[in-house]
Every structure is written in C-alpha cells, then in structure tokens.
Protein backbone atom coordinates (compact mmCIF):
# COMPACT_ATOMS: atom_id res chain seq x y z
CA UNK A 1 126.66 68.63 89.45
CA UNK A 2 125.86 65.18 88.04
CA UNK A 3 123.22 65.03 85.27
CA UNK A 4 120.75 63.21 87.55
CA UNK A 5 121.48 65.47 90.52
CA UNK A 6 122.65 62.67 92.83
CA UNK A 7 126.16 63.99 93.46
CA UNK A 8 128.22 67.18 93.45
CA UNK A 9 131.89 67.41 92.46
CA UNK A 10 134.26 70.02 93.88
CA UNK A 11 137.87 70.81 93.05
CA UNK A 12 140.33 72.64 95.28
CA UNK A 13 143.67 74.38 95.43
CA UNK A 14 144.87 71.61 97.75
CA UNK A 15 145.06 69.36 94.61
CA UNK A 16 142.03 67.30 95.53
CA UNK A 17 138.73 66.43 93.87
CA UNK A 18 135.82 65.60 96.20
CA UNK A 19 132.55 63.90 95.27
CA UNK A 20 129.53 64.39 97.55
CA UNK A 21 126.14 62.69 97.69
CA UNK A 22 123.44 65.35 97.48
CA UNK A 23 120.96 63.50 99.68
CA UNK A 24 123.08 63.36 102.85
CA UNK A 25 126.20 65.44 102.12
CA UNK A 26 128.48 62.45 102.70
CA UNK A 27 131.54 61.78 100.59
CA UNK A 28 130.80 59.27 97.85
CA UNK A 29 134.36 57.97 98.11
CA UNK A 30 137.77 59.13 99.30
CA UNK A 31 139.20 62.35 97.82
CA UNK A 32 140.78 61.96 94.39
CA UNK A 33 144.40 63.01 94.90
CA UNK A 34 146.50 62.32 91.81
CA UNK A 35 146.94 65.90 90.61
CA UNK A 36 150.25 67.56 91.49
CA UNK A 37 148.79 71.06 91.20
CA UNK A 38 145.62 72.79 92.25
CA UNK A 39 142.33 71.81 90.62
CA UNK A 40 140.92 74.76 88.68
CA UNK A 41 137.78 73.16 87.18
CA UNK A 42 135.70 69.99 87.31
CA UNK A 43 132.86 68.67 85.17
CA UNK A 44 130.72 65.52 84.94
CA UNK A 45 130.04 63.92 81.56
CA UNK A 46 126.42 64.14 80.32
CA UNK A 47 126.10 60.34 80.49
CA UNK A 48 127.16 60.50 84.16
CA UNK A 49 130.01 58.02 83.75
CA UNK A 50 133.09 60.24 83.97
CA UNK A 51 134.43 63.17 85.95
CA UNK A 52 137.05 65.41 84.37
CA UNK A 53 139.32 67.70 86.39
CA UNK A 54 141.55 70.47 85.02
CA UNK A 55 144.68 71.41 86.94
CA UNK A 56 147.52 73.84 87.16
CA UNK A 57 149.82 70.84 86.73
CA UNK A 58 149.04 71.21 82.98
CA UNK A 59 146.92 68.04 82.85
CA UNK A 60 143.32 66.88 82.71
CA UNK A 61 142.39 63.77 84.69
CA UNK A 62 139.47 61.46 83.96
CA UNK A 63 137.81 59.58 86.82
CA UNK A 64 135.19 56.85 86.95
CA UNK A 65 132.14 58.52 88.53
CA UNK A 66 131.00 55.27 90.16
CA UNK A 67 134.28 54.14 91.73
CA UNK A 68 136.51 57.22 91.87
CA UNK A 69 139.28 55.37 90.05
CA UNK A 70 141.43 57.35 87.66
CA UNK A 71 140.82 56.11 84.13
CA UNK A 72 142.79 58.61 82.09
CA UNK A 73 145.42 61.35 82.15
CA UNK A 74 145.42 63.83 79.28
CA UNK A 75 148.74 65.57 78.58
CA UNK A 76 149.02 68.25 75.92
CA UNK A 77 148.94 71.68 77.49
CA UNK A 78 152.17 73.43 78.45
CA UNK A 79 150.60 75.84 80.97
CA UNK A 80 147.89 75.73 83.62
CA UNK A 81 144.57 74.21 82.51
CA UNK A 82 141.76 76.49 83.69
CA UNK A 83 138.55 75.10 82.20
CA UNK A 84 137.08 71.87 80.87
CA UNK A 85 133.80 70.77 79.25
CA UNK A 86 132.24 67.61 77.74
CA UNK A 87 130.29 67.50 74.50
CA UNK A 88 126.58 66.59 74.87
CA UNK A 89 127.21 63.04 73.60
CA UNK A 90 130.16 62.61 76.02
CA UNK A 91 132.44 61.69 73.09
CA UNK A 92 134.59 64.83 73.15
CA UNK A 93 136.24 66.80 75.92
CA UNK A 94 137.55 70.35 75.53
CA UNK A 95 140.10 72.02 77.80
CA UNK A 96 141.32 75.61 77.84
CA UNK A 97 144.63 76.83 79.19
CA UNK A 98 146.92 79.72 79.97
CA UNK A 99 148.96 78.53 76.98
CA UNK A 100 146.33 80.18 74.70
CA UNK A 101 145.08 76.88 73.29
CA UNK A 102 141.94 74.77 73.40
CA UNK A 103 142.68 71.06 73.28
CA UNK A 104 139.94 68.74 72.04
CA UNK A 105 140.18 65.16 73.30
CA UNK A 106 138.70 61.91 72.03
CA UNK A 107 137.29 60.59 75.30
CA UNK A 108 137.22 56.91 74.29
CA UNK A 109 140.77 56.96 72.92
CA UNK A 110 142.07 59.16 75.77
CA UNK A 111 144.01 61.16 73.20
CA UNK A 112 143.99 64.56 71.54
CA UNK A 113 142.02 64.97 68.33
CA UNK A 114 144.10 64.49 65.19
CA UNK A 115 143.79 68.15 64.15
CA UNK A 116 145.73 69.22 67.26
CA UNK A 117 145.12 72.15 69.60
CA UNK A 118 143.02 75.15 68.58
CA UNK A 119 145.08 78.34 68.80
CA UNK A 120 143.95 81.66 70.26
CA UNK A 121 145.64 85.00 70.89
CA UNK A 122 144.86 85.11 74.62
CA UNK A 123 144.64 82.65 77.51
CA UNK A 124 141.37 80.71 77.71
CA UNK A 125 139.19 80.96 80.82
CA UNK A 126 136.00 79.15 79.78
CA UNK A 127 134.93 76.54 77.21
CA UNK A 128 131.46 75.19 76.41
CA UNK A 129 129.75 72.93 73.87
CA UNK A 130 126.36 73.90 72.47
CA UNK A 131 123.58 71.51 73.59
CA UNK A 132 122.88 70.53 69.96
CA UNK A 133 126.48 69.36 69.73
CA UNK A 134 127.37 71.51 66.74
CA UNK A 135 129.53 74.23 68.29
CA UNK A 136 132.49 74.52 70.64
CA UNK A 137 132.97 77.96 72.17
CA UNK A 138 135.95 79.34 74.07
CA UNK A 139 136.21 82.65 75.91
CA UNK A 140 139.54 84.42 76.29
CA UNK A 141 140.81 87.11 78.66
CA UNK A 142 140.74 89.67 75.87
CA UNK A 143 136.94 89.77 75.83
CA UNK A 144 136.34 87.54 72.78
CA UNK A 145 134.41 84.30 72.32
CA UNK A 146 135.60 81.96 69.55
CA UNK A 147 133.47 79.31 67.83
CA UNK A 148 134.46 76.08 66.09
CA UNK A 149 132.47 73.25 64.56
CA UNK A 150 132.56 70.41 67.07
CA UNK A 151 135.16 67.74 66.38
CA UNK A 152 137.02 69.89 63.82
CA UNK A 153 139.43 72.81 63.65
CA UNK A 154 137.02 74.75 61.38
CA UNK A 155 135.84 78.11 62.64
CA UNK A 156 132.04 78.28 62.68
CA UNK A 157 132.03 82.08 62.59
CA UNK A 158 134.23 85.03 63.42
CA UNK A 159 135.07 85.84 67.03
CA UNK A 160 132.41 87.61 69.05
CA UNK A 161 133.65 90.64 70.97
CA UNK A 162 131.69 90.51 74.20
CA UNK A 163 133.38 93.20 76.27
CA UNK A 164 136.65 95.05 76.72
CA UNK A 165 137.67 93.07 79.81
CA UNK A 166 138.28 89.46 80.78
CA UNK A 167 135.59 86.83 80.32
CA UNK A 168 135.50 84.19 83.06
CA UNK A 169 132.41 82.16 82.16
CA UNK A 170 130.20 81.36 79.16
CA UNK A 171 127.07 79.23 78.83
CA UNK A 172 124.78 78.18 75.96
CA UNK A 173 120.99 78.22 76.14
CA UNK A 174 119.30 74.81 75.86
CA UNK A 175 118.26 75.50 72.23
CA UNK A 176 121.83 76.52 71.31
CA UNK A 177 120.63 79.85 69.90
CA UNK A 178 122.07 82.10 72.60
CA UNK A 179 125.30 82.36 74.51
CA UNK A 180 125.72 84.24 77.79
CA UNK A 181 129.02 85.61 79.06
CA UNK A 182 130.20 87.14 82.33
CA UNK A 183 133.53 88.45 83.53
CA UNK A 184 135.50 91.34 84.97
CA UNK A 185 132.92 93.80 83.68
CA UNK A 186 130.15 93.02 86.20
CA UNK A 187 127.47 92.64 83.55
CA UNK A 188 126.05 89.55 81.88
CA UNK A 189 125.57 89.78 78.13
CA UNK A 190 123.34 87.42 76.17
CA UNK A 191 123.92 87.19 72.44
CA UNK A 192 121.93 85.64 69.64
CA UNK A 193 124.64 83.62 67.91
CA UNK A 194 123.05 83.78 64.45
CA UNK A 195 123.00 87.57 64.08
CA UNK A 196 125.15 90.57 64.84
CA UNK A 197 122.55 92.44 66.88
CA UNK A 198 123.04 94.07 70.25
CA UNK A 199 123.14 91.79 73.32
CA UNK A 200 120.69 91.71 76.17
CA UNK A 201 122.60 93.19 79.13
CA UNK A 202 121.91 92.11 82.71
CA UNK A 203 122.97 94.70 85.27
CA UNK A 204 123.10 94.23 89.03
CA UNK A 205 126.38 92.74 90.22
CA UNK A 206 128.92 95.11 91.73
CA UNK A 207 132.07 93.06 91.12
CA UNK A 208 133.52 90.45 88.78
CA UNK A 209 131.18 87.68 87.66
CA UNK A 210 133.02 84.38 88.03
CA UNK A 211 130.44 81.82 86.92
CA UNK A 212 127.11 81.73 85.07
CA UNK A 213 124.70 78.94 84.15
CA UNK A 214 121.40 78.47 82.32
CA UNK A 215 118.59 76.57 84.00
CA UNK A 216 117.68 73.27 82.27
CA UNK A 217 114.99 74.88 80.07
CA UNK A 218 116.82 78.23 79.81
CA UNK A 219 114.08 80.07 81.66
CA UNK A 220 116.61 81.46 84.11
CA UNK A 221 120.26 82.40 84.30
CA UNK A 222 122.15 82.19 87.58
CA UNK A 223 125.33 84.12 88.26
CA UNK A 224 128.05 83.95 90.91
CA UNK A 225 130.15 86.98 91.74
CA UNK A 226 133.03 88.31 93.78
CA UNK A 227 130.48 90.67 95.36
CA UNK A 228 129.51 87.62 97.48
CA UNK A 229 126.07 87.24 95.93
CA UNK A 230 124.20 84.80 93.72
CA UNK A 231 121.60 86.32 91.42
CA UNK A 232 118.77 84.75 89.46
CA UNK A 233 117.70 86.38 86.19
CA UNK A 234 114.89 86.00 83.68
CA UNK A 235 116.79 84.78 80.63
CA UNK A 236 114.25 86.31 78.22
CA UNK A 237 113.78 89.79 79.67
CA UNK A 238 116.97 90.21 81.70
CA UNK A 239 115.02 91.11 84.83
CA UNK A 240 116.61 90.08 88.12
CA UNK A 241 114.26 87.67 89.89
CA UNK A 242 116.19 87.07 93.11
CA UNK A 243 119.37 88.07 94.92
CA UNK A 244 120.88 85.65 97.42
CA UNK A 245 123.08 87.42 99.96
CA UNK A 246 124.66 86.00 103.06
CA UNK A 247 127.63 84.34 101.39
CA UNK A 248 130.65 85.06 103.57
CA UNK A 249 133.19 84.80 100.73
CA UNK A 250 133.54 85.22 96.98
CA UNK A 251 131.12 83.01 95.04
CA UNK A 252 133.13 81.16 92.39
CA UNK A 253 130.87 78.49 90.91
CA UNK A 254 127.21 77.99 90.15
CA UNK A 255 124.99 75.14 88.93
CA UNK A 256 121.30 74.34 88.65
CA UNK A 257 119.89 71.15 90.04
CA UNK A 258 118.30 69.10 87.19
CA UNK A 259 114.61 68.16 86.91
CA UNK A 260 113.35 71.05 88.98
CA UNK A 261 109.80 72.00 89.85
CA UNK A 262 108.42 75.50 89.62
CA UNK A 263 111.19 76.98 91.76
CA UNK A 264 114.78 76.67 90.53
CA UNK A 265 117.34 75.15 92.88
CA UNK A 266 120.85 76.59 92.62
CA UNK A 267 124.04 75.20 94.14
CA UNK A 268 126.92 77.63 94.67
CA UNK A 269 130.50 77.23 95.83
CA UNK A 270 132.52 79.86 97.68
CA UNK A 271 136.22 80.65 98.00
CA UNK A 272 136.18 79.68 101.69
CA UNK A 273 135.11 76.10 100.86
CA UNK A 274 131.41 76.37 101.69
CA UNK A 275 128.55 75.21 99.49
CA UNK A 276 125.10 76.82 99.58
CA UNK A 277 121.77 75.71 98.17
CA UNK A 278 119.45 78.50 97.03
CA UNK A 279 115.80 77.63 96.41
CA UNK A 280 113.10 80.13 95.56
CA UNK A 281 114.14 83.16 97.60
CA UNK A 282 115.78 81.24 100.44
CA UNK A 283 119.31 79.91 100.88
CA UNK A 284 120.90 77.42 103.24
CA UNK A 285 124.41 76.17 103.84
CA UNK A 286 125.33 72.53 103.43
CA UNK A 287 127.79 71.40 106.10
CA UNK A 288 130.01 69.19 104.01
CA UNK A 289 132.47 67.24 106.16
CA UNK A 290 136.17 68.06 105.70
CA UNK A 291 135.54 70.19 102.64
CA UNK A 292 138.64 71.79 101.18
CA UNK A 293 139.32 75.39 102.13
CA UNK A 294 140.96 78.20 100.23
CA UNK A 295 144.68 78.94 100.64
CA UNK A 296 143.89 81.96 102.81
CA UNK A 297 141.93 79.79 105.23
CA UNK A 298 145.03 77.65 105.66
CA UNK A 299 147.01 80.75 106.63
CA UNK A 300 145.16 80.96 109.91
CA UNK A 301 142.31 83.17 108.76
CA UNK A 302 144.08 85.95 106.82
CA UNK A 303 141.56 88.06 104.93
CA UNK A 304 141.84 89.88 101.62
CA UNK A 305 139.93 93.15 102.01
CA UNK A 306 138.00 94.78 99.17
CA UNK A 307 140.65 97.49 98.87
CA UNK A 308 143.42 94.93 98.33
CA UNK A 309 145.00 94.75 101.79
CA UNK A 310 145.76 91.28 103.12
CA UNK A 311 145.16 91.48 106.85
CA UNK A 312 145.50 89.22 109.85
CA UNK A 313 142.24 89.34 111.83
CA UNK A 314 143.78 88.94 115.28
CA UNK A 315 145.16 92.07 116.95
CA UNK A 316 148.78 91.36 117.81
CA UNK A 317 150.54 94.70 117.68
CA UNK A 318 147.73 97.12 118.31
CA UNK A 319 146.06 99.11 115.56
CA UNK A 320 147.62 99.79 112.19
CA UNK A 321 147.17 102.93 110.09
CA UNK A 322 147.18 103.51 106.36
CA UNK A 323 145.89 106.37 104.21
CA UNK A 324 145.04 108.28 107.37
CA UNK A 325 142.52 105.70 108.54
CA UNK A 326 142.75 103.36 111.51
CA UNK A 327 142.51 99.64 110.91
CA UNK A 328 142.57 97.29 113.87
CA UNK A 329 143.61 94.27 111.81
CA UNK A 330 147.31 93.61 111.36
CA UNK A 331 148.29 94.50 107.79
CA UNK A 332 150.44 91.92 105.98
CA UNK A 333 150.72 93.31 102.46
CA UNK A 334 148.81 95.01 99.67
CA UNK A 335 147.91 93.02 96.54
CA UNK A 336 147.48 94.78 93.15
CA UNK A 337 143.99 94.37 91.72
CA UNK A 338 144.93 92.05 88.79
CA UNK A 339 146.29 89.49 91.27
CA UNK A 340 143.63 89.60 94.00
CA UNK A 341 141.51 86.87 92.46
CA UNK A 342 144.42 84.46 92.31
CA UNK A 343 145.25 84.92 95.98
CA UNK A 344 142.11 83.18 97.20
CA UNK A 345 141.34 81.00 94.23
CA UNK A 346 142.82 77.58 93.62
CA UNK A 347 145.58 76.74 93.52
CA UNK A 348 147.91 79.41 94.76
CA UNK A 349 149.12 81.97 97.19
CA UNK A 350 151.49 84.70 96.04
CA UNK A 351 155.10 85.69 96.42
CA UNK A 352 157.21 88.50 95.02
CA UNK A 353 159.88 87.41 92.57
CA UNK A 354 163.56 88.01 93.37
CA UNK A 355 164.24 88.76 89.70
CA UNK A 356 161.73 91.53 88.99
CA UNK A 357 158.71 93.26 90.42
CA UNK A 358 156.14 90.63 89.59
CA UNK A 359 153.64 88.66 91.61
CA UNK A 360 153.91 85.00 90.74
CA UNK A 361 151.63 82.09 91.55
CA UNK A 362 152.94 79.16 93.59
CA UNK A 363 151.24 76.14 95.03
CA UNK A 364 149.81 76.88 98.46
CA UNK A 365 150.47 73.27 99.43
CA UNK A 366 154.17 74.10 99.62
CA UNK A 367 153.53 76.64 102.36
CA UNK A 368 153.05 80.36 102.62
CA UNK A 369 155.79 82.63 103.91
CA UNK A 370 155.06 86.00 105.43
CA UNK A 371 156.17 88.22 108.29
CA UNK A 372 157.96 91.46 109.02
CA UNK A 373 160.68 90.69 106.43
CA UNK A 374 158.39 90.11 103.45
CA UNK A 375 159.51 93.42 101.86
CA UNK A 376 163.10 92.18 101.48
CA UNK A 377 162.54 91.02 97.92
CA UNK A 378 165.91 91.70 96.32
CA UNK A 379 169.55 91.44 97.27
CA UNK A 380 172.72 93.34 96.48
CA UNK A 381 174.21 90.46 94.45
CA UNK A 382 171.44 90.98 91.90
CA UNK A 383 172.39 94.63 91.65
CA UNK A 384 168.95 95.77 92.67
CA UNK A 385 169.34 96.64 96.33
CA UNK A 386 166.73 95.77 98.95
C-alpha cells in the first residue's frame, strides 16, 4: 500500500510485480518483469517514490513508483530474499534472506552499508524499522526477534524469544514502544520492547498467522492467516473486534489504508490471487484485471487440502479412498506439513529430489510435472531402487 493510499503493489510467484490504482482497480503501468525468480515481498518507501521487491532470485529490485522503471538492483544475498522494509526516512532499506542474514542498503547509493550484512543463526522471514527510526528488527524461523540500532551493526538489546515456532511477520506500534509478532503458533504476541514483562497474547486464529499490521495510530492490529480469515484486534486490550470470513484461500498479506475515519479499512491478499477490502464488519472483493494467480491455480485448479493431500477437483477415475474414507477428488500426492505453505506461496511448486528424500522448491514458471508416475523418484543407477 502506498503511503497516500492511491495505489497497491502486489508481487507474485510468476516473477511479476503489479501496481494498481485504488480508485478504479486499473493497472498503473505494465507489470514489472525483471526478476528471474518469484517475488516474495514488496514494499513502498515512506516518501512514496520507490517500490522495492524481494525475490527468490537472491536480489532486491528498486522501481520508480511514478513510472515503473527499474532504478536499482541490489545484489548481496546468496539465498532467496523473503522480506524487505524501508526506514521511516526512506534512506535505508533492509532485506532478510534464507541465507540467515539481514542486508542493510543505502538507498541513494544503491549499495550495501559499509558494515556489511547482519548475521543471524536462522533464516529471516520478516524485517521492520521502528517508526522513530531508531531500531531495525528481524524475526527468524527459530522464534526470536533481533534488534539493531538503525544504520549500524550494533545490537540494541538481546534477542527476544517470542515463541517456540517460526515467526512470519512482525510490526512496530506507531510510538515504537511495542512490537507484535505472528507465526506458526496461531497467536499474536505484543511485547513492550523496553522491559522483560510478559506479552499480551491475542488468541483466535486456528492456523498459521502469515501477516500482521498496526493501524496508523496503533489502535488496531489486523492479522492474516492460513485459516482463511482476517481478524481485527484492539491493540491495547487484545480483544478481537471483527472476524472477516469468506476468503476462499489462504490470506497471506495485510495492510491498513492510511488516513482512515472511524472505521478501519483493511486490504488483504490471498494465495489464489484475489484482493479483498474489509471495512467495518463488511468485506468485498476487488476484481483486479489479470491479477497473478498462485502456482496451484496454474495447474488447472489443483487444491491443497487441510490434511495435506493435493487433489485434482475434477472426477476422472471415479472416487479415491485413503484412511478408510471416500474422497471424490483425484488424489495427486501428499505434502508433509513443513512444505505445505511453500506449495501455494510464491514462487514455487514442489518436486521430490532424485538424490534423497527431500522436497525441494523450484520455479513454477518452468512447469509442474505430475501424473501416475510421480512416485518413481529414484533409479537403480543411484543404488536406491525405485
């Protein structure tokens, strides 16, 4: 979402970045297509001049928000870049990666800060600058949030252990005193950064929380979840104010519209490529033209069920049975829980390695292979049999 609320930016596993006018839903300009891997995260600079996109091609791209022209390519990570954030003054950009580093970039110079990447013990899934510009926070998949003084490699405090599972999203309150975190544990925790007290815990979601955001004045927190709901919370008391159901796919991103009235307006993005606007206690879909879809949509409508089975919705060979129950959909394969999120999130589908029993991510743009021979993963020449 742009700072003035006039346009929305979306990134997709098909390697594209789209920019949409909020007033009519029309594309502001042609899709931005210079990434060679899926786009995992996008953000608009606070001054509204730049768009940054993080990609599995290990790069961050900078785009002119007025023209759509690429104005920078930031190389430095050696693995997929999963998250990106601007500092409040738009002078710094932070990116987090599977390579367990946070890179801090001088936006004007289009180069990495002289102190080099910030090292962590686990891959980084979310980064955020405090609104007062003093702190940079990064959340890892081990359940910790790390804090540095902005523009330096100096730790501002020790790591904050939020939960035992993965953290997928963090957000600062507008006064920079609190930080909220959500992840695989379907609870939101709000911490006072200055003390070691217990967090305020928000309970309600049934599955992984993928994205959270504070409203402009930090009155509310919005959360997006794999339980296909958006929820609105009182940021002070933790009480749930509204639950928006009706999403037909996982909800992966969330943002508040700026300069709101009494009722907050929330924009959410789903894994099937749809965008919804939630206002008060009502929600409506925006019919964006030619919006990018998830890799599963490009497979002809294959669906990942809650229990992990990837099924084909059309009935081709009659009913299928598993675990003593009848399922009318055609079963393709079963996906272990740690890999289910990656199957329908940008930028990848899955295949089984010929070297070992491991699910590995590949670009869905290169095609997706499946059929009645998908179980033939190994060969005799490798000494592993079939």
